[in-house]
Amino acid sequence: MGKEELFAELERARGSPVQGVVERRLREFSEAGEGGEERWFSELCFCILTANYTAHGGMRIQDALGAEGFCGLPEKELIARLKELGHRFYNMRGRFIVEARGKRVKKGLEGKGQKEMREWLVENVKGLGWKEASHFLRNLGYFDLAIIDRHILSVLHKYGYIQEIPKALGRKRYLEMEKILDGIAKKAKMSQGELDLYLWQMKTGKVLK
């Protein structure tokens, strides 16, 4: 498939009921960003949990534990609950969450631009890579960063934007892929956060967070 076919697919999605779902998600993200440290920490934990896991699984665990569980459960109890709830990497993710409790992330990000925020998160929060840090910020209403996972890479490959799907994404490669997505977003007249939801829907049939 060619690049222009991607824009045709995006136009079709915009003219379908998917548009309403996407717009509702974007409003939810912006509203979440207006919350306090506890709300932000809950979203941080969701993104820590989704690394090498699934967004659906992370949402399920977030719903089960809530901010109170993420913020207050002793490490052993938190790890036990993550195991009980079916997370693949319950020990490591539990440790990452407990270690992140003292970070005061919302305060730490004050006054920074979106790319500066992502750099700070990658450097200061164990368990967050480029994708997870971008995901976290998008889910709090910061829409100018790309969330690059295997689904997004698969779409880029399908429509001829990349010749092969990279096996790993270090900083340099991630930013190269983000630049491609930024070009697509600008041509489609939408933010990268909005584009991500449409591309995810095209690949999986779902509009998650």
C-alpha atoms as a PDB file:
ATOM      1  CA  MET A   1       0.000   0.000   0.000  1.00  0.00           C
ATOM      2  CA  GLY A   2       1.126   3.567  -0.707  1.00  0.00           C
ATOM      3  CA  LYS A   3       1.394   6.577   1.588  1.00  0.00           C
ATOM      4  CA  GLU A   4      -1.651   8.333   0.131  1.00  0.00           C
ATOM      5  CA  GLU A   5      -3.787   5.350   1.043  1.00  0.00           C
ATOM      6  CA  LEU A   6      -3.014   5.994   4.693  1.00  0.00           C
ATOM      7  CA  PHE A   7      -4.517   9.483   4.446  1.00  0.00           C
ATOM      8  CA  ALA A   8      -7.571   8.046   2.711  1.00  0.00           C
ATOM      9  CA  GLU A   9      -7.974   5.603   5.616  1.00  0.00           C
ATOM     10  CA  LEU A  10      -7.639   8.439   8.116  1.00  0.00           C
ATOM     11  CA  GLU A  11     -10.277  10.472   6.296  1.00  0.00           C
ATOM     12  CA  ARG A  12     -12.670   7.529   6.317  1.00  0.00           C
ATOM     13  CA  ALA A  13     -12.128   7.058  10.043  1.00  0.00           C
ATOM     14  CA  ARG A  14     -12.767  10.747  10.670  1.00  0.00           C
ATOM     15  CA  GLY A  15     -16.057  10.492   8.858  1.00  0.00           C
ATOM     16  CA  SER A  16     -17.176   7.483  10.902  1.00  0.00           C
ATOM     17  CA  PRO A  17     -18.325   6.939  14.503  1.00  0.00           C
ATOM     18  CA  VAL A  18     -14.649   6.395  15.395  1.00  0.00           C
ATOM     19  CA  GLN A  19     -14.175  10.171  15.366  1.00  0.00           C
ATOM     20  CA  GLY A  20     -16.553  10.623  18.285  1.00  0.00           C
ATOM     21  CA  VAL A  21     -14.726   7.952  20.301  1.00  0.00           C
ATOM     22  CA  VAL A  22     -11.355   9.561  19.581  1.00  0.00           C
ATOM     23  CA  GLU A  23     -12.588  13.021  20.535  1.00  0.00           C
ATOM     24  CA  ARG A  24     -14.032  11.668  23.784  1.00  0.00           C
ATOM     25  CA  ARG A  25     -10.712  10.041  24.633  1.00  0.00           C
ATOM     26  CA  LEU A  26      -8.827  13.267  23.994  1.00  0.00           C
ATOM     27  CA  ARG A  27     -11.192  15.148  26.331  1.00  0.00           C
ATOM     28  CA  GLU A  28     -10.670  12.486  28.995  1.00  0.00           C
ATOM     29  CA  PHE A  29      -6.896  12.870  28.693  1.00  0.00           C
ATOM     30  CA  SER A  30      -7.086  16.656  29.068  1.00  0.00           C
ATOM     31  CA  GLU A  31      -9.347  16.310  32.111  1.00  0.00           C
ATOM     32  CA  ALA A  32      -6.957  13.785  33.687  1.00  0.00           C
ATOM     33  CA  GLY A  33      -4.121  16.276  33.307  1.00  0.00           C
ATOM     34  CA  GLU A  34      -6.031  18.725  35.507  1.00  0.00           C
ATOM     35  CA  GLY A  35      -5.890  16.276  38.414  1.00  0.00           C
ATOM     36  CA  GLY A  36      -3.427  16.341  41.281  1.00  0.00           C
ATOM     37  CA  GLU A  37      -0.318  14.315  42.091  1.00  0.00           C
ATOM     38  CA  GLU A  38      -2.328  11.213  43.000  1.00  0.00           C
ATOM     39  CA  ARG A  39      -4.153  11.186  39.661  1.00  0.00           C
ATOM     40  CA  TRP A  40      -0.898  11.689  37.787  1.00  0.00           C
ATOM     41  CA  PHE A  41       0.764   8.924  39.790  1.00  0.00           C
ATOM     42  CA  SER A  42      -2.033   6.490  38.939  1.00  0.00           C
ATOM     43  CA  GLU A  43      -1.457   7.210  35.246  1.00  0.00           C
ATOM     44  CA  LEU A  44       2.293   6.839  35.721  1.00  0.00           C
ATOM     45  CA  CYS A  45       1.728   3.394  37.234  1.00  0.00           C
ATOM     46  CA  PHE A  46      -0.526   2.425  34.328  1.00  0.00           C
ATOM     47  CA  CYS A  47       2.277   3.272  31.902  1.00  0.00           C
ATOM     48  CA  ILE A  48       4.889   1.416  33.977  1.00  0.00           C
ATOM     49  CA  LEU A  49       2.609  -1.625  33.851  1.00  0.00           C
ATOM     50  CA  THR A  50       2.061  -1.494  30.076  1.00  0.00           C
ATOM     51  CA  ALA A  51       5.774  -1.863  29.215  1.00  0.00           C
ATOM     52  CA  ASN A  52       6.137  -5.286  27.515  1.00  0.00           C
ATOM     53  CA  TYR A  53       2.531  -5.957  28.525  1.00  0.00           C
ATOM     54  CA  THR A  54      -0.784  -4.702  27.111  1.00  0.00           C
ATOM     55  CA  ALA A  55      -2.749  -1.479  27.436  1.00  0.00           C
ATOM     56  CA  HIS A  56      -5.883  -3.508  28.153  1.00  0.00           C
ATOM     57  CA  GLY A  57      -4.138  -5.399  30.955  1.00  0.00           C
ATOM     58  CA  GLY A  58      -2.755  -2.177  32.409  1.00  0.00           C
ATOM     59  CA  MET A  59      -6.214  -0.597  32.401  1.00  0.00           C
ATOM     60  CA  ARG A  60      -7.685  -3.632  34.132  1.00  0.00           C
ATOM     61  CA  ILE A  61      -5.065  -3.513  36.899  1.00  0.00           C
ATOM     62  CA  GLN A  62      -5.394   0.260  37.254  1.00  0.00           C
ATOM     63  CA  ASP A  63      -9.147  -0.124  37.714  1.00  0.00           C
ATOM     64  CA  ALA A  64      -8.643  -2.885  40.288  1.00  0.00           C
ATOM     65  CA  LEU A  65      -6.003  -1.131  42.419  1.00  0.00           C
ATOM     66  CA  GLY A  66      -6.878   2.531  41.934  1.00  0.00           C
ATOM     67  CA  ALA A  67      -4.655   5.377  43.044  1.00  0.00           C
ATOM     68  CA  GLU A  68      -4.967   4.233  46.671  1.00  0.00           C
ATOM     69  CA  GLY A  69      -3.441   0.854  45.902  1.00  0.00           C
ATOM     70  CA  PHE A  70      -0.645   2.276  43.788  1.00  0.00           C
ATOM     71  CA  CYS A  71       0.165   4.925  46.383  1.00  0.00           C
ATOM     72  CA  GLY A  72      -0.335   3.001  49.602  1.00  0.00           C
ATOM     73  CA  LEU A  73       0.128  -0.756  49.359  1.00  0.00           C
ATOM     74  CA  PRO A  74       3.381  -2.020  50.935  1.00  0.00           C
ATOM     75  CA  GLU A  75       5.744  -3.408  48.300  1.00  0.00           C
ATOM     76  CA  LYS A  76       5.137  -7.079  49.112  1.00  0.00           C
ATOM     77  CA  GLU A  77       1.368  -6.631  49.050  1.00  0.00           C
ATOM     78  CA  LEU A  78       1.517  -4.649  45.805  1.00  0.00           C
ATOM     79  CA  ILE A  79       3.628  -7.334  44.145  1.00  0.00           C
ATOM     80  CA  ALA A  80       1.220 -10.013  45.371  1.00  0.00           C
ATOM     81  CA  ARG A  81      -1.742  -8.105  43.938  1.00  0.00           C
ATOM     82  CA  LEU A  82      -0.003  -7.609  40.590  1.00  0.00           C
ATOM     83  CA  LYS A  83       0.686 -11.346  40.468  1.00  0.00           C
ATOM     84  CA  GLU A  84      -2.907 -12.128  41.425  1.00  0.00           C
ATOM     85  CA  LEU A  85      -4.160  -9.779  38.695  1.00  0.00           C
ATOM     86  CA  GLY A  86      -2.083 -11.578  36.086  1.00  0.00           C
ATOM     87  CA  HIS A  87       0.784  -9.199  35.309  1.00  0.00           C
ATOM     88  CA  ARG A  88       3.735 -11.007  33.696  1.00  0.00           C
ATOM     89  CA  PHE A  89       6.429  -9.008  35.497  1.00  0.00           C
ATOM     90  CA  TYR A  90       4.845  -8.440  38.894  1.00  0.00           C
ATOM     91  CA  ASN A  91       8.106  -8.320  40.908  1.00  0.00           C
ATOM     92  CA  MET A  92       9.905  -5.744  38.785  1.00  0.00           C
ATOM     93  CA  ARG A  93       6.849  -3.581  38.113  1.00  0.00           C
ATOM     94  CA  GLY A  94       5.956  -3.580  41.794  1.00  0.00           C
ATOM     95  CA  ARG A  95       9.445  -2.388  42.684  1.00  0.00           C
ATOM     96  CA  PHE A  96       9.352   0.323  40.024  1.00  0.00           C
ATOM     97  CA  ILE A  97       6.012   1.634  41.310  1.00  0.00           C
ATOM     98  CA  VAL A  98       7.173   1.769  44.930  1.00  0.00           C
ATOM     99  CA  GLU A  99      10.404   3.511  43.924  1.00  0.00           C
ATOM    100  CA  ALA A 100       8.456   6.101  41.903  1.00  0.00           C
ATOM    101  CA  ARG A 101       6.289   7.109  44.873  1.00  0.00           C
ATOM    102  CA  GLY A 102       8.663   9.803  46.067  1.00  0.00           C
ATOM    103  CA  LYS A 103       9.141  11.482  42.703  1.00  0.00           C
ATOM    104  CA  ARG A 104       6.251  14.001  42.806  1.00  0.00           C
ATOM    105  CA  VAL A 105       6.072  13.789  39.044  1.00  0.00           C
ATOM    106  CA  LYS A 106       3.618  16.601  38.376  1.00  0.00           C
ATOM    107  CA  LYS A 107       5.769  19.052  40.322  1.00  0.00           C
ATOM    108  CA  GLY A 108       8.936  17.731  38.687  1.00  0.00           C
ATOM    109  CA  LEU A 109       7.544  18.465  35.235  1.00  0.00           C
ATOM    110  CA  GLU A 110       6.351  22.006  35.965  1.00  0.00           C
ATOM    111  CA  GLY A 111       7.634  24.636  33.560  1.00  0.00           C
ATOM    112  CA  LYS A 112       9.041  22.160  31.041  1.00  0.00           C
ATOM    113  CA  GLY A 113       8.152  21.730  27.389  1.00  0.00           C
ATOM    114  CA  GLN A 114       6.747  18.387  26.269  1.00  0.00           C
ATOM    115  CA  LYS A 115      10.041  16.978  24.982  1.00  0.00           C
ATOM    116  CA  GLU A 116      11.820  18.188  28.127  1.00  0.00           C
ATOM    117  CA  MET A 117       9.136  16.460  30.191  1.00  0.00           C
ATOM    118  CA  ARG A 118       9.770  13.188  28.377  1.00  0.00           C
ATOM    119  CA  GLU A 119      13.536  13.463  28.874  1.00  0.00           C
ATOM    120  CA  TRP A 120      12.983  14.082  32.599  1.00  0.00           C
ATOM    121  CA  LEU A 121      10.712  11.058  32.913  1.00  0.00           C
ATOM    122  CA  VAL A 122      13.086   8.703  31.085  1.00  0.00           C
ATOM    123  CA  GLU A 123      15.985   9.891  33.243  1.00  0.00           C
ATOM    124  CA  ASN A 124      14.165   9.946  36.590  1.00  0.00           C
ATOM    125  CA  VAL A 125      11.539   7.183  36.601  1.00  0.00           C
ATOM    126  CA  LYS A 126      12.646   3.561  36.396  1.00  0.00           C
ATOM    127  CA  GLY A 127      10.397   1.517  34.134  1.00  0.00           C
ATOM    128  CA  LEU A 128       9.676   4.337  31.685  1.00  0.00           C
ATOM    129  CA  GLY A 129      11.309   4.281  28.271  1.00  0.00           C
ATOM    130  CA  TRP A 130      10.612   6.634  25.373  1.00  0.00           C
ATOM    131  CA  LYS A 131       7.328   4.969  24.466  1.00  0.00           C
ATOM    132  CA  GLU A 132       6.019   4.774  28.037  1.00  0.00           C
ATOM    133  CA  ALA A 133       6.989   8.368  28.868  1.00  0.00           C
ATOM    134  CA  SER A 134       5.252   9.585  25.696  1.00  0.00           C
ATOM    135  CA  HIS A 135       2.212   7.468  26.543  1.00  0.00           C
ATOM    136  CA  PHE A 136       2.049   8.908  30.054  1.00  0.00           C
ATOM    137  CA  LEU A 137       2.147  12.489  28.807  1.00  0.00           C
ATOM    138  CA  ARG A 138      -0.421  11.884  26.068  1.00  0.00           C
ATOM    139  CA  ASN A 139      -2.798  10.398  28.632  1.00  0.00           C
ATOM    140  CA  LEU A 140      -2.566  13.650  30.598  1.00  0.00           C
ATOM    141  CA  GLY A 141      -3.330  15.933  27.666  1.00  0.00           C
ATOM    142  CA  TYR A 142       0.093  16.510  26.110  1.00  0.00           C
ATOM    143  CA  PHE A 143      -0.477  15.629  22.479  1.00  0.00           C
ATOM    144  CA  ASP A 144       2.757  16.526  20.644  1.00  0.00           C
ATOM    145  CA  LEU A 145       4.699  13.299  21.215  1.00  0.00           C
ATOM    146  CA  ALA A 146       4.543   9.960  19.390  1.00  0.00           C
ATOM    147  CA  ILE A 147       3.799   6.690  21.185  1.00  0.00           C
ATOM    148  CA  ILE A 148       5.721   4.225  19.056  1.00  0.00           C
ATOM    149  CA  ASP A 149       4.972   0.557  19.606  1.00  0.00           C
ATOM    150  CA  ARG A 150       4.808  -2.501  17.351  1.00  0.00           C
ATOM    151  CA  HIS A 151       1.297  -1.584  16.141  1.00  0.00           C
ATOM    152  CA  ILE A 152       2.393   1.865  14.993  1.00  0.00           C
ATOM    153  CA  LEU A 153       5.570   0.509  13.386  1.00  0.00           C
ATOM    154  CA  SER A 154       3.480  -2.084  11.577  1.00  0.00           C
ATOM    155  CA  VAL A 155       1.272   0.648  10.094  1.00  0.00           C
ATOM    156  CA  LEU A 156       4.315   2.674   8.996  1.00  0.00           C
ATOM    157  CA  HIS A 157       5.717  -0.410   7.296  1.00  0.00           C
ATOM    158  CA  LYS A 158       2.414  -1.325   5.668  1.00  0.00           C
ATOM    159  CA  TYR A 159       2.044   2.089   4.031  1.00  0.00           C
ATOM    160  CA  GLY A 160       5.663   2.351   2.909  1.00  0.00           C
ATOM    161  CA  TYR A 161       7.058   4.848   5.410  1.00  0.00           C
ATOM    162  CA  ILE A 162       9.735   2.423   6.618  1.00  0.00           C
ATOM    163  CA  GLN A 163      11.349  -0.463   4.760  1.00  0.00           C
ATOM    164  CA  GLU A 164      11.573  -2.753   7.766  1.00  0.00           C
ATOM    165  CA  ILE A 165      10.332  -2.811  11.327  1.00  0.00           C
ATOM    166  CA  PRO A 166      13.209  -2.086  13.726  1.00  0.00           C
ATOM    167  CA  LYS A 167      13.833  -4.714  16.395  1.00  0.00           C
ATOM    168  CA  ALA A 168      14.684  -2.097  19.003  1.00  0.00           C
ATOM    169  CA  LEU A 169      14.161   1.636  19.418  1.00  0.00           C
ATOM    170  CA  GLY A 170      16.932   3.545  21.137  1.00  0.00           C
ATOM    171  CA  ARG A 171      16.771   7.304  21.492  1.00  0.00           C
ATOM    172  CA  LYS A 172      18.066   8.092  17.994  1.00  0.00           C
ATOM    173  CA  ARG A 173      15.834   5.586  16.193  1.00  0.00           C
ATOM    174  CA  TYR A 174      12.802   6.562  18.270  1.00  0.00           C
ATOM    175  CA  LEU A 175      13.196  10.220  17.332  1.00  0.00           C
ATOM    176  CA  GLU A 176      13.586   9.269  13.651  1.00  0.00           C
ATOM    177  CA  MET A 177      10.274   7.390  13.772  1.00  0.00           C
ATOM    178  CA  GLU A 178       8.667  10.261  15.675  1.00  0.00           C
ATOM    179  CA  LYS A 179       9.721  12.686  12.948  1.00  0.00           C
ATOM    180  CA  ILE A 180       7.944  10.517  10.345  1.00  0.00           C
ATOM    181  CA  LEU A 181       4.788  10.448  12.455  1.00  0.00           C
ATOM    182  CA  ASP A 182       4.977  14.190  13.024  1.00  0.00           C
ATOM    183  CA  GLY A 183       4.975  14.695   9.257  1.00  0.00           C
ATOM    184  CA  ILE A 184       1.925  12.456   8.887  1.00  0.00           C
ATOM    185  CA  ALA A 185       0.115  14.273  11.692  1.00  0.00           C
ATOM    186  CA  LYS A 186       0.802  17.693  10.188  1.00  0.00           C
ATOM    187  CA  LYS A 187      -0.389  16.596   6.745  1.00  0.00           C
ATOM    188  CA  ALA A 188      -3.531  15.073   8.299  1.00  0.00           C
ATOM    189  CA  LYS A 189      -4.058  18.275  10.337  1.00  0.00           C
ATOM    190  CA  MET A 190      -4.126  16.559  13.707  1.00  0.00           C
ATOM    191  CA  SER A 191      -1.881  16.211  16.743  1.00  0.00           C
ATOM    192  CA  GLN A 192       0.347  13.192  17.233  1.00  0.00           C
ATOM    193  CA  GLY A 193      -1.792  12.143  20.190  1.00  0.00           C
ATOM    194  CA  GLU A 194      -4.897  12.137  18.013  1.00  0.00           C
ATOM    195  CA  LEU A 195      -3.092  10.374  15.153  1.00  0.00           C
ATOM    196  CA  ASP A 196      -1.985   7.620  17.524  1.00  0.00           C
ATOM    197  CA  LEU A 197      -5.589   6.814  18.453  1.00  0.00           C
ATOM    198  CA  TYR A 198      -6.631   6.577  14.812  1.00  0.00           C
ATOM    199  CA  LEU A 199      -3.642   4.406  13.880  1.00  0.00           C
ATOM    200  CA  TRP A 200      -4.294   2.120  16.843  1.00  0.00           C
ATOM    201  CA  GLN A 201      -7.927   1.793  15.796  1.00  0.00           C
ATOM    202  CA  MET A 202      -6.898   0.990  12.230  1.00  0.00           C
ATOM    203  CA  LYS A 203      -4.538  -1.743  13.460  1.00  0.00           C
ATOM    204  CA  THR A 204      -6.496  -3.249  16.366  1.00  0.00           C
ATOM    205  CA  GLY A 205     -10.102  -2.087  15.930  1.00  0.00           C
ATOM    206  CA  LYS A 206      -9.964  -0.448  19.377  1.00  0.00           C
ATOM    207  CA  VAL A 207      -9.539   3.060  20.778  1.00  0.00           C
ATOM    208  CA  LEU A 208      -7.889   2.506  24.151  1.00  0.00           C
ATOM    209  CA  LYS A 209      -5.784   4.883  26.178  1.00  0.00           C
END
